[in-house]
PDB file of all heavy atoms in Angstrom:
ATOM      1  N   ALA A   1     100.147 -88.639 -45.984  1.00  0.00           N
ATOM      2  CA  ALA A   1     100.206 -88.451 -44.553  1.00  0.00           C
ATOM      3  C   ALA A   1      99.162 -87.488 -43.897  1.00  0.00           C
ATOM      4  O   ALA A   1      98.943 -86.343 -44.367  1.00  0.00           O
ATOM      5  CB  ALA A   1     101.647 -87.962 -44.111  1.00  0.00           C
ATOM      6  N   PHE A   2      98.414 -88.086 -42.993  1.00  0.00           N
ATOM      7  CA  PHE A   2      97.278 -87.256 -42.313  1.00  0.00           C
ATOM      8  C   PHE A   2      96.944 -88.005 -40.980  1.00  0.00           C
ATOM      9  O   PHE A   2      97.327 -89.205 -40.806  1.00  0.00           O
ATOM     10  CB  PHE A   2      96.063 -87.195 -43.159  1.00  0.00           C
ATOM     11  CG  PHE A   2      95.599 -88.505 -43.675  1.00  0.00           C
ATOM     12  CD1 PHE A   2      94.615 -89.211 -42.919  1.00  0.00           C
ATOM     13  CD2 PHE A   2      95.964 -88.965 -44.956  1.00  0.00           C
ATOM     14  CE1 PHE A   2      94.199 -90.549 -43.348  1.00  0.00           C
ATOM     15  CE2 PHE A   2      95.598 -90.296 -45.389  1.00  0.00           C
ATOM     16  CZ  PHE A   2      94.565 -91.050 -44.557  1.00  0.00           C
ATOM     17  N   VAL A   3      96.191 -87.341 -40.141  1.00  0.00           N
ATOM     18  CA  VAL A   3      95.522 -88.015 -39.002  1.00  0.00           C
ATOM     19  C   VAL A   3      94.151 -87.996 -39.252  1.00  0.00           C
ATOM     20  O   VAL A   3      93.501 -86.929 -39.654  1.00  0.00           O
ATOM     21  CB  VAL A   3      95.889 -87.294 -37.765  1.00  0.00           C
ATOM     22  CG1 VAL A   3      95.139 -87.737 -36.522  1.00  0.00           C
ATOM     23  CG2 VAL A   3      97.366 -87.229 -37.422  1.00  0.00           C
ATOM     24  N   LEU A   4      93.429 -89.194 -39.177  1.00  0.00           N
ATOM     25  CA  LEU A   4      92.056 -89.334 -39.420  1.00  0.00           C
ATOM     26  C   LEU A   4      91.345 -89.692 -38.133  1.00  0.00           C
ATOM     27  O   LEU A   4      91.706 -90.631 -37.516  1.00  0.00           O
ATOM     28  CB  LEU A   4      91.903 -90.512 -40.485  1.00  0.00           C
ATOM     29  CG  LEU A   4      90.432 -90.801 -40.812  1.00  0.00           C
ATOM     30  CD1 LEU A   4      89.761 -89.692 -41.489  1.00  0.00           C
ATOM     31  CD2 LEU A   4      90.443 -92.060 -41.660  1.00  0.00           C
ATOM     32  N   SER A   5      90.284 -88.896 -37.883  1.00  0.00           N
ATOM     33  CA  SER A   5      89.484 -89.130 -36.712  1.00  0.00           C
ATOM     34  C   SER A   5      88.125 -89.735 -37.307  1.00  0.00           C
ATOM     35  O   SER A   5      87.397 -88.947 -38.003  1.00  0.00           O
ATOM     36  CB  SER A   5      89.163 -87.989 -35.836  1.00  0.00           C
ATOM     37  OG  SER A   5      88.281 -88.206 -34.855  1.00  0.00           O
ATOM     38  N   THR A   6      87.819 -91.020 -37.048  1.00  0.00           N
ATOM     39  CA  THR A   6      86.589 -91.617 -37.606  1.00  0.00           C
ATOM     40  C   THR A   6      85.463 -91.552 -36.587  1.00  0.00           C
ATOM     41  O   THR A   6      85.687 -91.389 -35.403  1.00  0.00           O
ATOM     42  CB  THR A   6      86.847 -93.024 -38.077  1.00  0.00           C
ATOM     43  OG1 THR A   6      87.042 -93.826 -36.879  1.00  0.00           O
ATOM     44  CG2 THR A   6      88.112 -93.199 -38.902  1.00  0.00           C
ATOM     45  N   GLY A   7      84.258 -91.742 -37.081  1.00  0.00           N
ATOM     46  CA  GLY A   7      83.109 -92.075 -36.218  1.00  0.00           C
ATOM     47  C   GLY A   7      83.458 -93.465 -35.608  1.00  0.00           C
ATOM     48  O   GLY A   7      84.047 -94.308 -36.123  1.00  0.00           O
ATOM     49  N   GLY A   8      82.664 -93.769 -34.411  1.00  0.00           N
ATOM     50  CA  GLY A   8      82.869 -95.011 -33.815  1.00  0.00           C
ATOM     51  C   GLY A   8      82.416 -96.270 -34.548  1.00  0.00           C
ATOM     52  O   GLY A   8      82.886 -97.350 -34.343  1.00  0.00           O
ATOM     53  N   GLY A   9      81.441 -96.081 -35.537  1.00  0.00           N
ATOM     54  CA  GLY A   9      80.933 -97.227 -36.173  1.00  0.00           C
ATOM     55  C   GLY A   9      81.792 -97.611 -37.422  1.00  0.00           C
ATOM     56  O   GLY A   9      81.689 -98.700 -37.866  1.00  0.00           O
ATOM     57  N   LEU A  10      82.510 -96.725 -37.940  1.00  0.00           N
ATOM     58  CA  LEU A  10      83.328 -96.943 -39.251  1.00  0.00           C
ATOM     59  C   LEU A  10      84.289 -98.147 -39.108  1.00  0.00           C
ATOM     60  O   LEU A  10      84.159 -98.976 -40.025  1.00  0.00           O
ATOM     61  CB  LEU A  10      84.016 -95.736 -39.644  1.00  0.00           C
ATOM     62  CG  LEU A  10      84.817 -95.991 -40.966  1.00  0.00           C
ATOM     63  CD1 LEU A  10      84.274 -95.083 -42.063  1.00  0.00           C
ATOM     64  CD2 LEU A  10      86.263 -95.817 -40.739  1.00  0.00           C
ATOM     65  N   PRO A  11      84.946 -98.439 -38.137  1.00  0.00           N
ATOM     66  CA  PRO A  11      85.931 -99.523 -38.067  1.00  0.00           C
ATOM     67  C   PRO A  11      85.197-100.891 -38.103  1.00  0.00           C
ATOM     68  O   PRO A  11      85.773-101.922 -38.431  1.00  0.00           O
ATOM     69  CB  PRO A  11      86.674 -99.418 -36.797  1.00  0.00           C
ATOM     70  CG  PRO A  11      86.583 -97.861 -36.390  1.00  0.00           C
ATOM     71  CD  PRO A  11      85.275 -97.451 -36.929  1.00  0.00           C
ATOM     72  N   CYS A  12      83.925-100.843 -37.791  1.00  0.00           N
ATOM     73  CA  CYS A  12      83.105-102.055 -37.606  1.00  0.00           C
ATOM     74  C   CYS A  12      82.349-102.481 -38.829  1.00  0.00           C
ATOM     75  O   CYS A  12      81.651-103.432 -38.929  1.00  0.00           O
ATOM     76  CB  CYS A  12      82.100-101.927 -36.362  1.00  0.00           C
ATOM     77  SG  CYS A  12      82.864-101.267 -34.979  1.00  0.00           S
ATOM     78  N   GLN A  13      82.570-101.777 -39.954  1.00  0.00           N
ATOM     79  CA  GLN A  13      81.842-102.029 -41.202  1.00  0.00           C
ATOM     80  C   GLN A  13      82.795-102.682 -42.167  1.00  0.00           C
ATOM     81  O   GLN A  13      83.874-102.222 -42.506  1.00  0.00           O
ATOM     82  CB  GLN A  13      81.371-100.730 -41.840  1.00  0.00           C
ATOM     83  CG  GLN A  13      80.447 -99.850 -40.794  1.00  0.00           C
ATOM     84  CD  GLN A  13      79.191-100.665 -40.467  1.00  0.00           C
ATOM     85  OE1 GLN A  13      78.559-101.316 -41.205  1.00  0.00           O
ATOM     86  NE2 GLN A  13      78.983-100.559 -39.084  1.00  0.00           N
ATOM     87  N   GLY A  14      82.284-103.774 -42.661  1.00  0.00           N
ATOM     88  CA  GLY A  14      83.113-104.341 -43.853  1.00  0.00           C
ATOM     89  C   GLY A  14      84.613-104.598 -43.501  1.00  0.00           C
ATOM     90  O   GLY A  14      84.925-105.103 -42.403  1.00  0.00           O
ATOM     91  N   ASP A  15      85.440-104.210 -44.410  1.00  0.00           N
ATOM     92  CA  ASP A  15      86.848-104.411 -44.218  1.00  0.00           C
ATOM     93  C   ASP A  15      87.587-103.106 -43.867  1.00  0.00           C
ATOM     94  O   ASP A  15      88.735-103.024 -44.114  1.00  0.00           O
ATOM     95  CB  ASP A  15      87.523-105.145 -45.418  1.00  0.00           C
ATOM     96  CG  ASP A  15      87.381-104.166 -46.582  1.00  0.00           C
ATOM     97  OD1 ASP A  15      86.720-103.206 -46.638  1.00  0.00           O
ATOM     98  OD2 ASP A  15      88.032-104.549 -47.683  1.00  0.00           O
ATOM     99  N   HIS A  16      86.883-102.214 -43.316  1.00  0.00           N
ATOM    100  CA  HIS A  16      87.503-100.850 -42.998  1.00  0.00           C
ATOM    101  C   HIS A  16      88.599-100.978 -42.117  1.00  0.00           C
ATOM    102  O   HIS A  16      89.578-100.273 -42.280  1.00  0.00           O
ATOM    103  CB  HIS A  16      86.415 -99.989 -42.340  1.00  0.00           C
ATOM    104  CG  HIS A  16      85.332 -99.550 -43.323  1.00  0.00           C
ATOM    105  ND1 HIS A  16      84.220 -98.936 -43.068  1.00  0.00           N
ATOM    106  CD2 HIS A  16      85.280 -99.764 -44.764  1.00  0.00           C
ATOM    107  CE1 HIS A  16      83.508 -98.681 -44.087  1.00  0.00           C
ATOM    108  NE2 HIS A  16      84.148 -99.136 -45.091  1.00  0.00           N
ATOM    109  N   MET A  17      88.544-101.719 -41.007  1.00  0.00           N
ATOM    110  CA  MET A  17      89.708-101.772 -40.097  1.00  0.00           C
ATOM    111  C   MET A  17      90.997-102.463 -40.762  1.00  0.00           C
ATOM    112  O   MET A  17      92.056-101.875 -40.617  1.00  0.00           O
ATOM    113  CB  MET A  17      89.354-102.684 -38.890  1.00  0.00           C
ATOM    114  CG  MET A  17      90.148-102.531 -37.662  1.00  0.00           C
ATOM    115  SD  MET A  17      89.929-100.882 -36.997  1.00  0.00           S
ATOM    116  CE  MET A  17      91.610-100.616 -36.435  1.00  0.00           C
ATOM    117  N   ALA A  18      90.780-103.468 -41.560  1.00  0.00           N
ATOM    118  CA  ALA A  18      91.907-103.961 -42.371  1.00  0.00           C
ATOM    119  C   ALA A  18      92.462-102.972 -43.246  1.00  0.00           C
ATOM    120  O   ALA A  18      93.725-102.788 -43.375  1.00  0.00           O
ATOM    121  CB  ALA A  18      91.475-105.226 -43.070  1.00  0.00           C
ATOM    122  N   ARG A  19      91.662-102.229 -44.015  1.00  0.00           N
ATOM    123  CA  ARG A  19      92.073-101.158 -44.907  1.00  0.00           C
ATOM    124  C   ARG A  19      92.912-100.095 -44.193  1.00  0.00           C
ATOM    125  O   ARG A  19      93.936 -99.625 -44.625  1.00  0.00           O
ATOM    126  CB  ARG A  19      90.970-100.582 -45.715  1.00  0.00           C
ATOM    127  CG  ARG A  19      90.485-101.572 -46.753  1.00  0.00           C
ATOM    128  CD  ARG A  19      89.264-100.759 -47.542  1.00  0.00           C
ATOM    129  NE  ARG A  19      88.696-101.720 -48.505  1.00  0.00           N
ATOM    130  CZ  ARG A  19      88.986-101.672 -49.813  1.00  0.00           C
ATOM    131  NH1 ARG A  19      89.679-100.757 -50.344  1.00  0.00           N
ATOM    132  NH2 ARG A  19      88.303-102.423 -50.624  1.00  0.00           N
ATOM    133  N   MET A  20      92.445 -99.671 -43.078  1.00  0.00           N
ATOM    134  CA  MET A  20      93.019 -98.580 -42.168  1.00  0.00           C
ATOM    135  C   MET A  20      94.446 -99.075 -41.708  1.00  0.00           C
ATOM    136  O   MET A  20      95.394 -98.401 -41.837  1.00  0.00           O
ATOM    137  CB  MET A  20      92.169 -98.110 -41.174  1.00  0.00           C
ATOM    138  CG  MET A  20      90.988 -97.282 -41.675  1.00  0.00           C
ATOM    139  SD  MET A  20      90.054 -96.491 -40.291  1.00  0.00           S
ATOM    140  CE  MET A  20      89.307 -97.927 -39.451  1.00  0.00           C
ATOM    141  N   ASN A  21      94.363-100.320 -41.282  1.00  0.00           N
ATOM    142  CA  ASN A  21      95.719-100.907 -40.828  1.00  0.00           C
ATOM    143  C   ASN A  21      96.660-101.062 -41.937  1.00  0.00           C
ATOM    144  O   ASN A  21      97.910-100.871 -41.741  1.00  0.00           O
ATOM    145  CB  ASN A  21      95.455-102.305 -40.154  1.00  0.00           C
ATOM    146  CG  ASN A  21      94.967-102.087 -38.767  1.00  0.00           C
ATOM    147  OD1 ASN A  21      95.103-101.200 -38.042  1.00  0.00           O
ATOM    148  ND2 ASN A  21      94.091-103.094 -38.344  1.00  0.00           N
ATOM    149  N   GLU A  22      96.304-101.393 -43.145  1.00  0.00           N
ATOM    150  CA  GLU A  22      97.198-101.508 -44.317  1.00  0.00           C
ATOM    151  C   GLU A  22      97.762-100.062 -44.724  1.00  0.00           C
ATOM    152  O   GLU A  22      98.837-100.045 -45.236  1.00  0.00           O
ATOM    153  CB  GLU A  22      96.393-102.097 -45.403  1.00  0.00           C
ATOM    154  CG  GLU A  22      96.138-103.532 -45.324  1.00  0.00           C
ATOM    155  CD  GLU A  22      95.185-104.013 -46.415  1.00  0.00           C
ATOM    156  OE1 GLU A  22      94.802-103.309 -47.375  1.00  0.00           O
ATOM    157  OE2 GLU A  22      94.678-105.260 -46.315  1.00  0.00           O
ATOM    158  N   SER A  23      96.864 -99.096 -44.473  1.00  0.00           N
ATOM    159  CA  SER A  23      97.290 -97.735 -44.952  1.00  0.00           C
ATOM    160  C   SER A  23      98.131 -96.988 -43.855  1.00  0.00           C
ATOM    161  O   SER A  23      98.720 -95.932 -44.213  1.00  0.00           O
ATOM    162  CB  SER A  23      96.002 -96.987 -45.218  1.00  0.00           C
ATOM    163  OG  SER A  23      95.340 -97.575 -46.287  1.00  0.00           O
ATOM    164  N   GLY A  24      98.135 -97.429 -42.662  1.00  0.00           N
ATOM    165  CA  GLY A  24      98.897 -96.701 -41.596  1.00  0.00           C
ATOM    166  C   GLY A  24      98.726 -97.249 -40.294  1.00  0.00           C
ATOM    167  O   GLY A  24      98.225 -98.372 -40.099  1.00  0.00           O
ATOM    168  N   LEU A  25      99.068 -96.458 -39.281  1.00  0.00           N
ATOM    169  CA  LEU A  25      98.894 -96.755 -37.838  1.00  0.00           C
ATOM    170  C   LEU A  25      97.533 -96.510 -37.395  1.00  0.00           C
ATOM    171  O   LEU A  25      97.086 -95.353 -37.547  1.00  0.00           O
ATOM    172  CB  LEU A  25      99.979 -96.099 -37.046  1.00  0.00           C
ATOM    173  CG  LEU A  25      99.817 -96.299 -35.538  1.00  0.00           C
ATOM    174  CD1 LEU A  25     100.272 -97.750 -35.200  1.00  0.00           C
ATOM    175  CD2 LEU A  25     100.705 -95.234 -34.858  1.00  0.00           C
ATOM    176  N   THR A  26      96.817 -97.412 -36.751  1.00  0.00           N
ATOM    177  CA  THR A  26      95.507 -97.116 -36.232  1.00  0.00           C
ATOM    178  C   THR A  26      95.728 -97.216 -34.666  1.00  0.00           C
ATOM    179  O   THR A  26      96.509 -97.911 -34.120  1.00  0.00           O
ATOM    180  CB  THR A  26      94.431 -98.146 -36.735  1.00  0.00           C
ATOM    181  OG1 THR A  26      94.831 -99.468 -36.338  1.00  0.00           O
ATOM    182  CG2 THR A  26      94.262 -98.046 -38.117  1.00  0.00           C
ATOM    183  N   VAL A  27      94.864 -96.413 -33.995  1.00  0.00           N
ATOM    184  CA  VAL A  27      94.886 -96.366 -32.529  1.00  0.00           C
ATOM    185  C   VAL A  27      93.502 -96.480 -31.954  1.00  0.00           C
ATOM    186  O   VAL A  27      92.547 -95.896 -32.433  1.00  0.00           O
ATOM    187  CB  VAL A  27      95.488 -94.885 -32.120  1.00  0.00           C
ATOM    188  CG1 VAL A  27      95.425 -94.725 -30.560  1.00  0.00           C
ATOM    189  CG2 VAL A  27      96.795 -94.728 -32.617  1.00  0.00           C
ATOM    190  N   TRP A  28      93.345 -97.341 -30.998  1.00  0.00           N
ATOM    191  CA  TRP A  28      92.175 -97.616 -30.255  1.00  0.00           C
ATOM    192  C   TRP A  28      92.280 -96.702 -28.898  1.00  0.00           C
ATOM    193  O   TRP A  28      93.104 -97.137 -28.000  1.00  0.00           O
ATOM    194  CB  TRP A  28      91.890 -98.965 -29.936  1.00  0.00           C
ATOM    195  CG  TRP A  28      90.672 -99.311 -29.125  1.00  0.00           C
ATOM    196  CD1 TRP A  28      89.626 -98.426 -28.894  1.00  0.00           C
ATOM    197  CD2 TRP A  28      90.441-100.583 -28.488  1.00  0.00           C
ATOM    198  NE1 TRP A  28      88.720 -99.090 -28.052  1.00  0.00           N
ATOM    199  CE2 TRP A  28      89.160-100.355 -27.904  1.00  0.00           C
ATOM    200  CE3 TRP A  28      91.028-101.794 -28.504  1.00  0.00           C
ATOM    201  CZ2 TRP A  28      88.653-101.496 -27.080  1.00  0.00           C
ATOM    202  CZ3 TRP A  28      90.492-102.800 -27.733  1.00  0.00           C
ATOM    203  CH2 TRP A  28      89.224-102.587 -27.024  1.00  0.00           C
ATOM    204  N   LEU A  29      91.391 -95.874 -28.662  1.00  0.00           N
ATOM    205  CA  LEU A  29      91.410 -95.115 -27.453  1.00  0.00           C
ATOM    206  C   LEU A  29      90.440 -95.922 -26.492  1.00  0.00           C
ATOM    207  O   LEU A  29      89.249 -95.606 -26.418  1.00  0.00           O
ATOM    208  CB  LEU A  29      90.912 -93.661 -27.569  1.00  0.00           C
ATOM    209  CG  LEU A  29      91.760 -92.856 -28.431  1.00  0.00           C
ATOM    210  CD1 LEU A  29      91.120 -91.511 -28.642  1.00  0.00           C
ATOM    211  CD2 LEU A  29      93.103 -92.686 -27.906  1.00  0.00           C
ATOM    212  N   ASP A  30      90.982 -96.827 -25.716  1.00  0.00           N
ATOM    213  CA  ASP A  30      90.287 -97.842 -24.896  1.00  0.00           C
ATOM    214  C   ASP A  30      90.050 -97.173 -23.455  1.00  0.00           C
ATOM    215  O   ASP A  30      90.633 -97.632 -22.549  1.00  0.00           O
ATOM    216  CB  ASP A  30      91.025 -99.110 -24.841  1.00  0.00           C
ATOM    217  CG  ASP A  30      90.256-100.234 -24.227  1.00  0.00           C
ATOM    218  OD1 ASP A  30      89.035-100.091 -23.989  1.00  0.00           O
ATOM    219  OD2 ASP A  30      90.891-101.270 -23.934  1.00  0.00           O
ATOM    220  N   ALA A  31      89.048 -96.237 -23.466  1.00  0.00           N
ATOM    221  CA  ALA A  31      88.786 -95.599 -22.164  1.00  0.00           C
ATOM    222  C   ALA A  31      87.934 -96.572 -21.294  1.00  0.00           C
ATOM    223  O   ALA A  31      87.088 -97.278 -21.762  1.00  0.00           O
ATOM    224  CB  ALA A  31      87.981 -94.399 -22.447  1.00  0.00           C
ATOM    225  N   PRO A  32      88.208 -96.717 -20.037  1.00  0.00           N
ATOM    226  CA  PRO A  32      87.413 -97.560 -19.071  1.00  0.00           C
ATOM    227  C   PRO A  32      86.059 -97.070 -19.076  1.00  0.00           C
ATOM    228  O   PRO A  32      85.628 -96.018 -19.295  1.00  0.00           O
ATOM    229  CB  PRO A  32      88.090 -97.307 -17.697  1.00  0.00           C
ATOM    230  CG  PRO A  32      89.397 -96.724 -18.036  1.00  0.00           C
ATOM    231  CD  PRO A  32      89.251 -96.005 -19.293  1.00  0.00           C
ATOM    232  N   HIS A  33      85.058 -98.034 -18.886  1.00  0.00           N
ATOM    233  CA  HIS A  33      83.715 -97.820 -18.883  1.00  0.00           C
ATOM    234  C   HIS A  33      83.277 -96.583 -17.929  1.00  0.00           C
ATOM    235  O   HIS A  33      82.524 -95.796 -18.325  1.00  0.00           O
ATOM    236  CB  HIS A  33      82.947 -99.084 -18.382  1.00  0.00           C
ATOM    237  CG  HIS A  33      81.474 -98.948 -18.462  1.00  0.00           C
ATOM    238  ND1 HIS A  33      80.729 -98.431 -17.339  1.00  0.00           N
ATOM    239  CD2 HIS A  33      80.544 -99.110 -19.408  1.00  0.00           C
ATOM    240  CE1 HIS A  33      79.354 -98.499 -17.607  1.00  0.00           C
ATOM    241  NE2 HIS A  33      79.252 -98.898 -18.851  1.00  0.00           N
ATOM    242  N   GLU A  34      83.914 -96.600 -16.756  1.00  0.00           N
ATOM    243  CA  GLU A  34      83.669 -95.533 -15.776  1.00  0.00           C
ATOM    244  C   GLU A  34      83.905 -94.144 -16.336  1.00  0.00           C
ATOM    245  O   GLU A  34      83.196 -93.161 -16.097  1.00  0.00           O
ATOM    246  CB  GLU A  34      84.313 -95.866 -14.505  1.00  0.00           C
ATOM    247  CG  GLU A  34      83.993 -97.067 -13.685  1.00  0.00           C
ATOM    248  CD  GLU A  34      84.671 -98.327 -14.490  1.00  0.00           C
ATOM    249  OE1 GLU A  34      85.798 -98.161 -15.071  1.00  0.00           O
ATOM    250  OE2 GLU A  34      84.002 -99.374 -14.325  1.00  0.00           O
ATOM    251  N   VAL A  35      84.979 -94.081 -17.042  1.00  0.00           N
ATOM    252  CA  VAL A  35      85.482 -92.777 -17.623  1.00  0.00           C
ATOM    253  C   VAL A  35      84.493 -92.363 -18.667  1.00  0.00           C
ATOM    254  O   VAL A  35      84.010 -91.163 -18.766  1.00  0.00           O
ATOM    255  CB  VAL A  35      86.912 -92.883 -18.161  1.00  0.00           C
ATOM    256  CG1 VAL A  35      87.309 -91.706 -18.980  1.00  0.00           C
ATOM    257  CG2 VAL A  35      87.894 -93.129 -17.059  1.00  0.00           C
ATOM    258  N   LEU A  36      84.145 -93.344 -19.592  1.00  0.00           N
ATOM    259  CA  LEU A  36      83.193 -93.026 -20.575  1.00  0.00           C
ATOM    260  C   LEU A  36      81.805 -92.577 -20.019  1.00  0.00           C
ATOM    261  O   LEU A  36      81.239 -91.547 -20.513  1.00  0.00           O
ATOM    262  CB  LEU A  36      82.818 -94.274 -21.547  1.00  0.00           C
ATOM    263  CG  LEU A  36      84.115 -94.742 -22.298  1.00  0.00           C
ATOM    264  CD1 LEU A  36      83.713 -95.919 -23.113  1.00  0.00           C
ATOM    265  CD2 LEU A  36      84.494 -93.616 -23.316  1.00  0.00           C
ATOM    266  N   LEU A  37      81.384 -93.181 -18.983  1.00  0.00           N
ATOM    267  CA  LEU A  37      80.107 -92.859 -18.333  1.00  0.00           C
ATOM    268  C   LEU A  37      80.164 -91.421 -17.794  1.00  0.00           C
ATOM    269  O   LEU A  37      79.245 -90.632 -18.011  1.00  0.00           O
ATOM    270  CB  LEU A  37      79.825 -93.850 -17.220  1.00  0.00           C
ATOM    271  CG  LEU A  37      78.499 -93.597 -16.460  1.00  0.00           C
ATOM    272  CD1 LEU A  37      77.314 -93.662 -17.383  1.00  0.00           C
ATOM    273  CD2 LEU A  37      78.406 -94.679 -15.400  1.00  0.00           C
ATOM    274  N   GLU A  38      81.244 -91.128 -17.124  1.00  0.00           N
ATOM    275  CA  GLU A  38      81.345 -89.725 -16.496  1.00  0.00           C
ATOM    276  C   GLU A  38      81.425 -88.637 -17.595  1.00  0.00           C
ATOM    277  O   GLU A  38      80.741 -87.694 -17.558  1.00  0.00           O
ATOM    278  CB  GLU A  38      82.541 -89.600 -15.556  1.00  0.00           C
ATOM    279  CG  GLU A  38      82.369 -90.288 -14.247  1.00  0.00           C
ATOM    280  CD  GLU A  38      81.023 -89.882 -13.623  1.00  0.00           C
ATOM    281  OE1 GLU A  38      80.828 -88.626 -13.507  1.00  0.00           O
ATOM    282  OE2 GLU A  38      80.362 -90.752 -13.150  1.00  0.00           O
ATOM    283  N   ARG A  39      82.152 -88.887 -18.664  1.00  0.00           N
ATOM    284  CA  ARG A  39      82.246 -88.021 -19.735  1.00  0.00           C
ATOM    285  C   ARG A  39      80.932 -87.688 -20.486  1.00  0.00           C
ATOM    286  O   ARG A  39      80.643 -86.645 -20.760  1.00  0.00           O
ATOM    287  CB  ARG A  39      83.315 -88.435 -20.826  1.00  0.00           C
ATOM    288  CG  ARG A  39      84.777 -88.273 -20.358  1.00  0.00           C
ATOM    289  CD  ARG A  39      85.781 -88.820 -21.414  1.00  0.00           C
ATOM    290  NE  ARG A  39      87.142 -88.803 -20.863  1.00  0.00           N
ATOM    291  CZ  ARG A  39      88.095 -89.395 -21.455  1.00  0.00           C
ATOM    292  NH1 ARG A  39      88.022 -90.064 -22.579  1.00  0.00           N
ATOM    293  NH2 ARG A  39      89.397 -89.247 -21.055  1.00  0.00           N
ATOM    294  N   LEU A  40      80.293 -88.815 -20.748  1.00  0.00           N
ATOM    295  CA  LEU A  40      79.077 -88.855 -21.555  1.00  0.00           C
ATOM    296  C   LEU A  40      77.880 -88.173 -20.569  1.00  0.00           C
ATOM    297  O   LEU A  40      76.921 -87.573 -21.171  1.00  0.00           O
ATOM    298  CB  LEU A  40      78.725 -90.167 -22.052  1.00  0.00           C
ATOM    299  CG  LEU A  40      79.642 -90.691 -23.124  1.00  0.00           C
ATOM    300  CD1 LEU A  40      79.319 -92.059 -23.663  1.00  0.00           C
ATOM    301  CD2 LEU A  40      79.712 -89.750 -24.338  1.00  0.00           C
ATOM    302  N   LYS A  41      77.968 -88.415 -19.326  1.00  0.00           N
ATOM    303  CA  LYS A  41      76.965 -87.795 -18.366  1.00  0.00           C
ATOM    304  C   LYS A  41      77.095 -86.186 -18.669  1.00  0.00           C
ATOM    305  O   LYS A  41      76.081 -85.587 -18.733  1.00  0.00           O
ATOM    306  CB  LYS A  41      77.251 -88.129 -17.012  1.00  0.00           C
ATOM    307  CG  LYS A  41      76.724 -89.390 -16.447  1.00  0.00           C
ATOM    308  CD  LYS A  41      77.016 -89.507 -14.991  1.00  0.00           C
ATOM    309  CE  LYS A  41      76.779 -90.779 -14.550  1.00  0.00           C
ATOM    310  NZ  LYS A  41      77.088 -90.863 -12.974  1.00  0.00           N
ATOM    311  N   ARG A  42      78.320 -85.741 -18.641  1.00  0.00           N
ATOM    312  CA  ARG A  42      78.498 -84.298 -18.746  1.00  0.00           C
ATOM    313  C   ARG A  42      78.162 -83.817 -20.086  1.00  0.00           C
ATOM    314  O   ARG A  42      77.627 -82.665 -20.204  1.00  0.00           O
ATOM    315  CB  ARG A  42      80.044 -83.951 -18.414  1.00  0.00           C
ATOM    316  CG  ARG A  42      80.352 -84.117 -17.063  1.00  0.00           C
ATOM    317  CD  ARG A  42      81.789 -83.506 -16.803  1.00  0.00           C
ATOM    318  NE  ARG A  42      82.786 -83.922 -17.704  1.00  0.00           N
ATOM    319  CZ  ARG A  42      83.585 -84.916 -17.457  1.00  0.00           C
ATOM    320  NH1 ARG A  42      83.609 -85.674 -16.389  1.00  0.00           N
ATOM    321  NH2 ARG A  42      84.653 -85.244 -18.373  1.00  0.00           N
TER     322      ARG A  42
END
């Protein structure tokens, strides 16, 4: 048991998303484009 914070590219490589889903609960923080833009501007 642990909480894992990955980089944004990791789930998109090979079978990483499937492996993470098999190993536990995965969460997508689906922030709206406008929110991402404001946060990244700062």
